[in-house]
Amino acid sequence: MAIQNDYNATVQYLYEQLPMFSKLGKDAIKKDLTNISRLCEALGHPEKKFQCIHIAGTNGKGSTSHMLAAILQHAGHKTGLYTSPHLLDFRERFRVNGALISQEWVVDFVHQHRTLIESIQPSFFEITVAMAFQAFAEHGVTVAIIETGLGGRLDSTNIITPILSIITNVSYDHQDLLGQTLPEIAREKAGIIKPQVPVLVGEENDTTNRVFFEVATQNNSCIYYAQSVWDLVRVKQGNHYQYFKAIHQAQRAIYDVTTDLLGAYQMQNIRTVLAAVEILDTTMLFPLSLPSAIDALRNVKELTGLKGRWEVLQQQPLIVADVAHNMVGVKEVMQQWQSVSATKKHVVVGFVKDKDVSAALSQFSPTDTYYFCHAAIPRALPAKELQEIASGFSLQGQSYASVSDAIAAAKTVMSTADALLITGSFFIVSEALTCWNQEAETN
């Protein structure tokens, strides 16, 4: 109990003392790499003590990161995984072989380096990146999967020199920070491309391909395109798995792929991951076997602890949570939602203020019943405002003061033949999962 109290107090200190993008938005961003460089220098450059794979992209980078971590872990490599934001526990941001770093480690790190933290005054994200690097170095990680937080060029993770850079895709998000056009956003994400380090692009787009090719050429880096290597066809989806046929275009070989990550949108992420495995293996950067990689995809959740991606919380009535939070992400989730068979469909939804909420709402169906809400963070768009904007898209429903109130209202009127989707932001899903776990503990 004592360490639990110490841990809670330590995390609260980080939340309260350091500016958090998740709470404040762009005001929390430090627009250069000075702080993270100073932190890592003071720590003895832990980021140089393991190999890593760097992943950027507008959507899919979280799922892609977890899949690659599962594959490397399954192959016997001690694997670190850095992602953000977290859903339930701060330590989700940095795992080793799928396990959370101990509470004691977090407490000891902050206690030992509190003077350093208060001297440099990093953002919350910057200190978590430094903590991840230090944890991976101390735990003897062989390879780490590092997901960018936002953009790439000025992202705090971008002080690493990876063995492979991956850009999953580019679409409109965070335009106030990354640029108003796709080429501008692509150039920010292309900032993770390093000299003579191969780069893999997950989804091709004529508008952004030119940017990636140009930056790769300037860096003398080989560039690969996942769509040129693999085709995937979804065969079926069950309650716990979905099944694909993966076709290697050069070899004309067909592989059966099963994954515990649900949602049709995972097809593109799997294609990217399979291409990454081949690059790592054929270039001898990190020898991997394709059959072993495919085997690992069956158990990504178990191996890595991934949550919030078309996560089925309950079967009858069906309740699903997904962290989709921008127009493209919501579009993909709504395509999956259309395939759900239910007497009546209910949607608990909330967004943060700095998203293009209208673009996201344009993807929702006016035939569903909506429960508008907001997460308990300053960035949250008030539920009443969201309800007003949604009415312009003929989306009808009531607003609620909290995520838990919205879910409770939906569950009250649902029959076993109905279905409920909880979506709109990481923070909505985080609070939903917290409520879900608390209910499970009391029942």
Protein backbone atom coordinates (compact mmCIF):
# COMPACT_ATOMS: atom_id res chain seq x y z
CA MET A 1 0.00 0.00 0.00
CA ALA A 2 2.88 2.36 0.79
CA ILE A 3 4.43 2.00 -2.66
CA GLN A 4 0.98 2.43 -4.24
CA ASN A 5 0.58 5.74 -2.38
CA ASP A 6 4.11 6.81 -3.34
CA TYR A 7 3.42 5.90 -6.96
CA ASN A 8 0.12 7.77 -7.07
CA ALA A 9 1.76 10.85 -5.53
CA THR A 10 4.66 10.64 -8.01
CA VAL A 11 2.39 10.45 -11.04
CA GLN A 12 0.26 13.27 -9.65
CA TYR A 13 3.41 15.37 -9.30
CA LEU A 14 4.21 14.81 -13.00
CA TYR A 15 0.63 15.67 -14.00
CA GLU A 16 0.53 18.85 -11.96
CA GLN A 17 4.05 20.19 -12.43
CA LEU A 18 4.54 19.60 -16.15
CA PRO A 19 2.53 20.94 -19.10
CA MET A 20 0.52 18.12 -20.72
CA PHE A 21 -0.62 18.21 -24.35
CA SER A 22 -3.51 15.90 -23.47
CA LYS A 23 -4.85 18.57 -21.11
CA LEU A 24 -3.67 21.88 -22.57
CA GLY A 25 -3.23 21.21 -26.29
CA LYS A 26 -0.57 23.06 -28.27
CA ASP A 27 0.34 25.34 -25.33
CA ALA A 28 2.08 22.32 -23.77
CA ILE A 29 4.30 21.69 -26.80
CA LYS A 30 8.00 22.59 -26.64
CA LYS A 31 8.83 23.26 -30.31
CA ASP A 32 12.39 21.99 -30.40
CA LEU A 33 14.50 19.08 -29.16
CA THR A 34 16.50 21.07 -26.59
CA ASN A 35 14.84 19.73 -23.45
CA ILE A 36 14.87 16.07 -24.44
CA SER A 37 18.51 16.41 -25.55
CA ARG A 38 19.46 17.94 -22.18
CA LEU A 39 17.56 15.25 -20.28
CA CYS A 40 19.18 12.40 -22.19
CA GLU A 41 22.63 13.94 -21.87
CA ALA A 42 22.19 14.17 -18.09
CA LEU A 43 21.04 10.54 -18.03
CA GLY A 44 24.11 9.34 -19.96
CA HIS A 45 22.36 8.98 -23.34
CA PRO A 46 20.20 5.91 -22.64
CA GLU A 47 18.68 6.23 -26.14
CA LYS A 48 21.99 4.99 -27.58
CA LYS A 49 22.02 1.74 -25.58
CA PHE A 50 19.51 -0.27 -27.63
CA GLN A 51 18.38 -0.61 -31.23
CA CYS A 52 15.03 0.86 -32.15
CA ILE A 53 12.34 1.20 -34.80
CA HIS A 54 10.71 4.63 -35.10
CA ILE A 55 7.04 4.93 -36.12
CA ALA A 56 5.14 8.08 -37.17
CA GLY A 57 1.81 8.58 -38.94
CA THR A 58 -1.60 10.19 -38.57
CA ASN A 59 -3.47 6.95 -37.85
CA GLY A 60 -2.51 3.36 -37.14
CA LYS A 61 0.87 3.98 -35.53
CA GLY A 62 -0.31 2.62 -32.17
CA SER A 63 -1.61 -0.65 -33.62
CA THR A 64 1.44 -0.96 -35.88
CA SER A 65 3.78 -0.39 -32.93
CA HIS A 66 2.06 -3.03 -30.82
CA MET A 67 2.05 -5.59 -33.64
CA LEU A 68 5.76 -5.13 -34.29
CA ALA A 69 6.50 -5.35 -30.57
CA ALA A 70 4.50 -8.59 -30.37
CA ILE A 71 6.43 -10.04 -33.33
CA LEU A 72 9.86 -9.18 -31.91
CA GLN A 73 8.88 -10.36 -28.46
CA HIS A 74 7.51 -13.65 -29.85
CA ALA A 75 10.79 -14.13 -31.72
CA GLY A 76 12.66 -14.05 -28.40
CA HIS A 77 14.01 -10.49 -28.43
CA LYS A 78 13.72 -8.42 -25.26
CA THR A 79 11.47 -5.70 -26.59
CA GLY A 80 10.66 -2.21 -25.35
CA LEU A 81 7.52 -0.40 -26.47
CA TYR A 82 6.92 3.34 -26.08
CA THR A 83 3.47 4.69 -27.01
CA SER A 84 1.17 7.52 -25.97
CA PRO A 85 -1.20 8.51 -24.53
CA HIS A 86 -2.08 5.89 -21.92
CA LEU A 87 -5.62 4.72 -21.21
CA LEU A 88 -5.63 3.39 -17.65
CA ASP A 89 -2.14 3.45 -16.17
CA PHE A 90 0.70 5.91 -16.75
CA ARG A 91 3.09 2.98 -17.14
CA GLU A 92 1.33 1.80 -20.31
CA ARG A 93 3.56 4.33 -22.08
CA PHE A 94 6.67 2.18 -21.67
CA ARG A 95 6.55 -1.58 -21.47
CA VAL A 96 9.23 -4.27 -21.60
CA ASN A 97 8.11 -7.55 -23.19
CA GLY A 98 4.53 -6.39 -22.74
CA ALA A 99 4.88 -5.89 -18.98
CA LEU A 100 4.44 -2.58 -17.18
CA ILE A 101 7.51 -1.06 -15.56
CA SER A 102 7.23 -1.43 -11.78
CA GLN A 103 5.71 1.33 -9.67
CA GLU A 104 8.94 1.36 -7.64
CA TRP A 105 10.96 2.16 -10.75
CA VAL A 106 8.77 5.18 -11.56
CA VAL A 107 8.96 6.46 -7.99
CA ASP A 108 12.75 5.98 -7.82
CA PHE A 109 13.34 7.68 -11.19
CA VAL A 110 11.37 10.80 -10.31
CA HIS A 111 12.84 10.97 -6.80
CA GLN A 112 16.39 10.58 -8.12
CA HIS A 113 15.98 13.11 -10.94
CA ARG A 114 13.56 15.61 -9.41
CA THR A 115 16.21 18.36 -9.33
CA LEU A 116 16.97 17.70 -13.02
CA ILE A 117 13.27 17.82 -13.90
CA GLU A 118 12.72 21.09 -12.06
CA SER A 119 15.87 22.59 -13.55
CA ILE A 120 15.04 21.78 -17.20
CA GLN A 121 11.24 22.05 -16.80
CA PRO A 122 10.36 19.65 -19.60
CA SER A 123 6.85 19.01 -20.83
CA PHE A 124 5.05 15.91 -19.54
CA PHE A 125 5.68 14.19 -22.88
CA GLU A 126 9.39 15.03 -22.83
CA ILE A 127 9.92 13.49 -19.40
CA THR A 128 7.99 10.35 -20.34
CA VAL A 129 10.22 9.90 -23.41
CA ALA A 130 13.33 10.26 -21.27
CA MET A 131 11.90 7.83 -18.72
CA ALA A 132 11.17 5.29 -21.45
CA PHE A 133 14.71 5.49 -22.82
CA GLN A 134 16.17 5.10 -19.32
CA ALA A 135 13.87 2.19 -18.48
CA PHE A 136 14.74 0.36 -21.70
CA ALA A 137 18.47 0.87 -21.11
CA GLU A 138 18.29 -0.29 -17.47
CA HIS A 139 16.15 -3.33 -18.30
CA GLY A 140 18.52 -4.52 -21.03
CA VAL A 141 16.14 -4.14 -23.95
CA THR A 142 17.52 -5.44 -27.25
CA VAL A 143 15.17 -3.51 -29.50
CA ALA A 144 12.53 -0.86 -28.80
CA ILE A 145 9.53 0.25 -30.83
CA ILE A 146 9.22 4.02 -30.43
CA GLU A 147 5.98 5.72 -31.47
CA THR A 148 6.05 9.47 -32.09
CA GLY A 149 3.64 11.60 -30.11
CA LEU A 150 2.85 14.23 -32.72
CA GLY A 151 4.38 14.87 -36.14
CA GLY A 152 7.96 13.69 -36.32
CA ARG A 153 10.56 16.35 -37.09
CA LEU A 154 10.27 18.12 -33.72
CA ASP A 155 8.78 15.24 -31.76
CA SER A 156 10.75 14.47 -28.60
CA THR A 157 11.32 10.88 -29.73
CA ASN A 158 13.26 12.17 -32.74
CA ILE A 159 16.68 12.16 -31.08
CA ILE A 160 17.04 8.43 -31.79
CA THR A 161 18.81 6.85 -34.76
CA PRO A 162 16.65 3.83 -35.63
CA ILE A 163 17.39 0.79 -37.75
CA LEU A 164 14.09 1.36 -39.57
CA SER A 165 11.70 4.32 -39.84
CA ILE A 166 8.01 3.70 -40.56
CA ILE A 167 5.39 6.26 -41.61
CA THR A 168 1.99 4.58 -41.51
CA ASN A 169 0.00 7.24 -43.40
CA VAL A 170 -0.76 10.95 -43.64
CA SER A 171 -4.13 12.64 -43.29
CA TYR A 172 -5.46 15.86 -41.79
CA ASP A 173 -4.94 16.21 -38.04
CA HIS A 174 -3.24 18.79 -35.80
CA GLN A 175 -3.10 21.26 -38.71
CA ASP A 176 -2.46 24.12 -36.29
CA LEU A 177 0.86 22.48 -35.43
CA LEU A 178 1.83 20.44 -38.50
CA GLY A 179 0.59 22.46 -41.47
CA GLN A 180 -2.58 23.06 -43.44
CA THR A 181 -1.83 20.82 -46.44
CA LEU A 182 -0.99 17.12 -46.77
CA PRO A 183 2.51 17.86 -48.18
CA GLU A 184 3.23 20.12 -45.19
CA ILE A 185 2.05 17.46 -42.74
CA ALA A 186 4.00 14.79 -44.64
CA ARG A 187 7.19 16.85 -44.42
CA GLU A 188 6.84 17.05 -40.62
CA LYS A 189 6.38 13.28 -40.39
CA ALA A 190 9.25 12.73 -42.85
CA GLY A 191 11.45 14.37 -40.24
CA ILE A 192 12.00 10.92 -38.70
CA ILE A 193 13.86 9.78 -41.84
CA LYS A 194 17.56 9.52 -40.94
CA PRO A 195 20.66 9.31 -43.17
CA GLN A 196 21.10 5.82 -44.66
CA VAL A 197 18.29 4.38 -42.52
CA PRO A 198 15.60 2.61 -44.58
CA VAL A 199 12.08 4.02 -44.42
CA LEU A 200 8.80 2.18 -44.97
CA VAL A 201 5.63 4.01 -46.03
CA GLY A 202 2.43 2.19 -45.10
CA GLU A 203 -0.14 3.88 -47.36
CA GLU A 204 0.70 5.45 -50.69
CA ASN A 205 -0.72 8.80 -51.69
CA ASP A 206 0.30 10.76 -54.79
CA THR A 207 0.24 13.98 -52.77
CA THR A 208 2.63 12.76 -50.07
CA ASN A 209 4.75 10.15 -51.93
CA ARG A 210 6.78 12.89 -53.55
CA VAL A 211 7.67 14.41 -50.17
CA PHE A 212 8.79 11.08 -48.72
CA PHE A 213 10.82 10.20 -51.82
CA GLU A 214 12.51 13.58 -51.82
CA VAL A 215 13.46 13.43 -48.11
CA ALA A 216 14.60 9.80 -48.41
CA THR A 217 16.77 10.69 -51.41
CA GLN A 218 18.32 13.64 -49.56
CA ASN A 219 19.20 11.25 -46.72
CA ASN A 220 20.48 8.50 -49.02
CA SER A 221 17.83 6.22 -47.46
CA CYS A 222 16.15 3.31 -49.23
CA ILE A 223 12.38 3.83 -49.34
CA TYR A 224 9.86 0.97 -49.41
CA TYR A 225 6.09 0.99 -49.89
CA ALA A 226 4.01 -1.64 -48.08
CA GLN A 227 1.27 -1.58 -50.70
CA SER A 228 3.80 -2.57 -53.36
CA VAL A 229 4.73 -5.69 -51.43
CA TRP A 230 1.57 -7.06 -49.84
CA ASP A 231 -2.11 -7.37 -50.71
CA LEU A 232 -4.58 -8.37 -47.99
CA VAL A 233 -8.14 -9.65 -48.24
CA ARG A 234 -10.29 -10.07 -45.15
CA VAL A 235 -11.95 -13.48 -45.15
CA LYS A 236 -14.12 -13.18 -42.03
CA GLN A 237 -14.35 -11.72 -38.54
CA GLY A 238 -15.48 -13.56 -35.43
CA ASN A 239 -16.05 -12.36 -31.87
CA HIS A 240 -12.37 -12.59 -30.94
CA TYR A 241 -10.36 -12.84 -34.17
CA GLN A 242 -10.38 -11.70 -37.78
CA TYR A 243 -8.93 -13.68 -40.65
CA PHE A 244 -7.07 -12.55 -43.77
CA LYS A 245 -5.40 -13.90 -46.86
CA ALA A 246 -2.08 -12.10 -47.32
CA ILE A 247 -0.62 -12.18 -50.85
CA HIS A 248 3.06 -11.43 -51.39
CA GLN A 249 3.00 -9.67 -54.76
CA ALA A 250 6.55 -10.56 -55.83
CA GLN A 251 6.55 -14.17 -54.67
CA ARG A 252 2.87 -14.75 -55.54
CA ALA A 253 2.66 -16.65 -52.27
CA ILE A 254 -0.48 -16.66 -50.12
CA TYR A 255 -0.44 -16.77 -46.32
CA ASP A 256 -3.26 -17.19 -43.80
CA VAL A 257 -3.16 -14.42 -41.19
CA THR A 258 -5.23 -14.41 -38.02
CA THR A 259 -5.20 -11.55 -35.52
CA ASP A 260 -6.90 -10.75 -32.24
CA LEU A 261 -7.07 -7.07 -33.26
CA LEU A 262 -10.57 -6.51 -34.61
CA GLY A 263 -11.69 -3.88 -37.09
CA ALA A 264 -11.32 -3.92 -40.86
CA TYR A 265 -8.97 -0.93 -40.63
CA GLN A 266 -6.27 -3.24 -39.19
CA MET A 267 -5.78 -4.63 -42.71
CA GLN A 268 -3.54 -1.71 -43.70
CA ASN A 269 -1.58 -1.93 -40.45
CA ILE A 270 -0.95 -5.65 -40.95
CA ARG A 271 0.27 -4.98 -44.48
CA THR A 272 2.72 -2.42 -43.10
CA VAL A 273 3.93 -4.77 -40.37
CA LEU A 274 4.49 -7.68 -42.78
CA ALA A 275 6.51 -5.37 -45.05
CA ALA A 276 8.57 -4.21 -42.04
CA VAL A 277 9.33 -7.82 -41.09
CA GLU A 278 10.59 -8.52 -44.59
CA ILE A 279 12.80 -5.40 -44.63
CA LEU A 280 14.30 -6.26 -41.24
CA ASP A 281 14.93 -9.84 -42.31
CA THR A 282 16.25 -9.38 -45.87
CA THR A 283 18.53 -6.50 -44.94
CA MET A 284 19.79 -8.45 -41.89
CA LEU A 285 18.91 -5.49 -39.68
CA PHE A 286 17.01 -7.84 -37.37
CA PRO A 287 16.53 -11.38 -38.72
CA LEU A 288 12.89 -12.45 -38.37
CA SER A 289 10.91 -15.37 -39.70
CA LEU A 290 7.65 -14.63 -41.53
CA PRO A 291 5.85 -17.71 -40.09
CA SER A 292 6.85 -16.65 -36.57
CA ALA A 293 5.65 -13.09 -37.26
CA ILE A 294 2.30 -14.32 -38.54
CA ASP A 295 1.96 -16.55 -35.48
CA ALA A 296 2.57 -13.56 -33.17
CA LEU A 297 -0.27 -11.59 -34.79
CA ARG A 298 -2.76 -14.03 -33.23
CA ASN A 299 -1.96 -12.74 -29.75
CA VAL A 300 -1.07 -9.06 -29.99
CA LYS A 301 -3.30 -8.04 -27.08
CA GLU A 302 -1.95 -10.75 -24.79
CA LEU A 303 1.69 -10.07 -25.73
CA THR A 304 1.56 -6.27 -25.54
CA GLY A 305 -1.52 -5.22 -23.55
CA LEU A 306 -3.02 -3.17 -26.39
CA LYS A 307 -6.44 -1.70 -25.60
CA GLY A 308 -8.99 0.61 -27.17
CA ARG A 309 -8.84 -0.51 -30.80
CA TRP A 310 -12.27 -1.91 -31.65
CA GLU A 311 -12.21 -3.41 -28.17
CA VAL A 312 -15.26 -5.55 -27.52
CA LEU A 313 -16.24 -5.00 -23.89
CA GLN A 314 -19.38 -7.10 -23.99
CA GLN A 315 -21.17 -9.35 -26.48
CA GLN A 316 -24.84 -9.10 -25.48
CA PRO A 317 -25.71 -6.38 -25.97
CA LEU A 318 -22.60 -5.63 -28.01
CA ILE A 319 -20.49 -2.82 -26.53
CA VAL A 320 -17.35 -1.69 -28.38
CA ALA A 321 -14.78 1.02 -27.59
CA ASP A 322 -12.44 2.60 -30.14
CA VAL A 323 -10.05 5.54 -29.76
CA ALA A 324 -10.65 6.94 -33.27
CA HIS A 325 -10.35 10.73 -32.92
CA ASN A 326 -9.99 12.33 -36.35
CA MET A 327 -11.95 12.24 -39.60
CA VAL A 328 -10.03 9.39 -41.25
CA GLY A 329 -9.94 7.30 -38.09
CA VAL A 330 -13.65 7.82 -37.46
CA LYS A 331 -14.44 6.98 -41.09
CA GLU A 332 -12.68 3.63 -40.77
CA VAL A 333 -14.41 2.84 -37.49
CA MET A 334 -17.82 3.79 -38.88
CA GLN A 335 -17.27 1.48 -41.85
CA GLN A 336 -16.71 -1.33 -39.34
CA TRP A 337 -19.74 -0.15 -37.34
CA GLN A 338 -21.93 -0.40 -40.46
CA SER A 339 -21.18 -4.13 -40.62
CA VAL A 340 -22.53 -4.67 -37.10
CA SER A 341 -26.01 -6.19 -37.07
CA ALA A 342 -28.22 -4.74 -34.32
CA THR A 343 -31.85 -3.83 -33.74
CA LYS A 344 -30.84 -0.34 -32.65
CA LYS A 345 -27.43 1.32 -32.55
CA HIS A 346 -26.26 3.71 -29.85
CA VAL A 347 -23.11 5.89 -29.86
CA VAL A 348 -21.41 7.51 -26.86
CA VAL A 349 -19.17 10.19 -28.35
CA GLY A 350 -16.96 13.08 -27.29
CA PHE A 351 -14.06 15.04 -28.79
CA VAL A 352 -11.37 17.50 -27.78
CA LYS A 353 -11.66 21.13 -28.86
CA ASP A 354 -8.68 21.24 -31.24
CA LYS A 355 -9.96 18.54 -33.61
CA ASP A 356 -11.91 19.17 -36.81
CA VAL A 357 -15.07 17.97 -35.10
CA SER A 358 -17.36 18.76 -38.03
CA ALA A 359 -15.28 16.63 -40.40
CA ALA A 360 -15.38 13.74 -37.93
CA LEU A 361 -19.12 14.08 -37.28
CA SER A 362 -19.79 13.99 -41.04
CA GLN A 363 -18.86 10.28 -40.91
CA PHE A 364 -21.53 9.29 -38.37
CA SER A 365 -24.93 7.85 -39.27
CA PRO A 366 -28.07 9.90 -38.55
CA THR A 367 -30.01 6.67 -37.90
CA ASP A 368 -28.11 5.98 -34.65
CA THR A 369 -28.97 7.39 -31.21
CA TYR A 370 -26.28 9.63 -29.70
CA TYR A 371 -25.10 10.31 -26.17
CA PHE A 372 -22.87 13.39 -26.30
CA CYS A 373 -20.37 13.79 -23.48
CA HIS A 374 -16.95 15.19 -22.59
CA ALA A 375 -13.93 13.82 -20.78
CA ALA A 376 -12.76 15.41 -17.54
CA ILE A 377 -9.90 17.42 -19.10
CA PRO A 378 -9.61 21.12 -20.02
CA ARG A 379 -9.19 20.27 -23.74
CA ALA A 380 -12.56 18.54 -23.91
CA LEU A 381 -15.25 20.04 -26.15
CA PRO A 382 -18.29 20.60 -23.88
CA ALA A 383 -21.06 18.07 -24.54
CA LYS A 384 -23.66 20.79 -25.18
CA GLU A 385 -21.47 22.36 -27.88
CA LEU A 386 -20.88 18.96 -29.45
CA GLN A 387 -24.62 18.28 -29.47
CA GLU A 388 -25.21 21.60 -31.22
CA ILE A 389 -22.59 20.90 -33.92
CA ALA A 390 -23.94 17.36 -34.37
CA SER A 391 -27.47 18.62 -34.97
CA GLY A 392 -26.15 20.20 -38.18
CA PHE A 393 -25.45 16.65 -39.39
CA SER A 394 -28.89 15.39 -38.25
CA LEU A 395 -27.31 13.44 -35.40
CA GLN A 396 -29.86 13.30 -32.61
CA GLY A 397 -29.38 12.62 -28.92
CA GLN A 398 -28.89 14.09 -25.47
CA SER A 399 -25.81 15.60 -23.80
CA TYR A 400 -24.38 14.32 -20.52
CA ALA A 401 -22.05 15.79 -17.93
CA SER A 402 -19.69 12.81 -17.92
CA VAL A 403 -18.70 9.73 -19.88
CA SER A 404 -20.06 7.47 -17.15
CA ASP A 405 -23.44 9.24 -17.22
CA ALA A 406 -23.62 8.85 -21.01
CA ILE A 407 -22.82 5.14 -20.88
CA ALA A 408 -25.29 4.56 -18.04
CA ALA A 409 -28.04 6.33 -20.03
CA ALA A 410 -27.35 4.19 -23.10
CA LYS A 411 -27.28 0.93 -21.14
CA THR A 412 -30.59 1.80 -19.48
CA VAL A 413 -32.49 1.78 -22.78
CA MET A 414 -30.58 -0.93 -24.66
CA SER A 415 -32.02 -4.36 -25.40
CA THR A 416 -29.79 -7.43 -25.80
CA ALA A 417 -30.18 -7.09 -29.58
CA ASP A 418 -28.83 -3.51 -29.59
CA ALA A 419 -25.22 -2.33 -29.93
CA LEU A 420 -23.21 0.52 -28.37
CA LEU A 421 -20.07 2.20 -29.73
CA ILE A 422 -17.92 4.41 -27.46
CA THR A 423 -15.55 6.65 -29.45
CA GLY A 424 -14.22 10.13 -30.30
CA SER A 425 -11.00 10.36 -28.29
CA PHE A 426 -8.49 8.47 -26.18
CA PHE A 427 -9.86 10.32 -23.16
CA ILE A 428 -13.46 9.22 -23.72
CA VAL A 429 -12.33 5.60 -24.06
CA SER A 430 -10.00 5.93 -21.06
CA GLU A 431 -12.83 7.06 -18.80
CA ALA A 432 -15.14 4.41 -20.26
CA LEU A 433 -12.63 1.62 -19.52
CA THR A 434 -12.09 2.98 -16.01
CA CYS A 435 -15.85 2.89 -15.37
CA TRP A 436 -16.06 -0.57 -16.88
CA ASN A 437 -13.31 -1.92 -14.63
CA GLN A 438 -14.82 -0.30 -11.53
CA GLU A 439 -18.20 -1.89 -12.29
CA ALA A 440 -16.54 -5.28 -12.81
CA GLU A 441 -14.81 -5.00 -9.43
CA THR A 442 -18.04 -4.21 -7.57
CA ASN A 443 -20.08 -7.00 -9.23
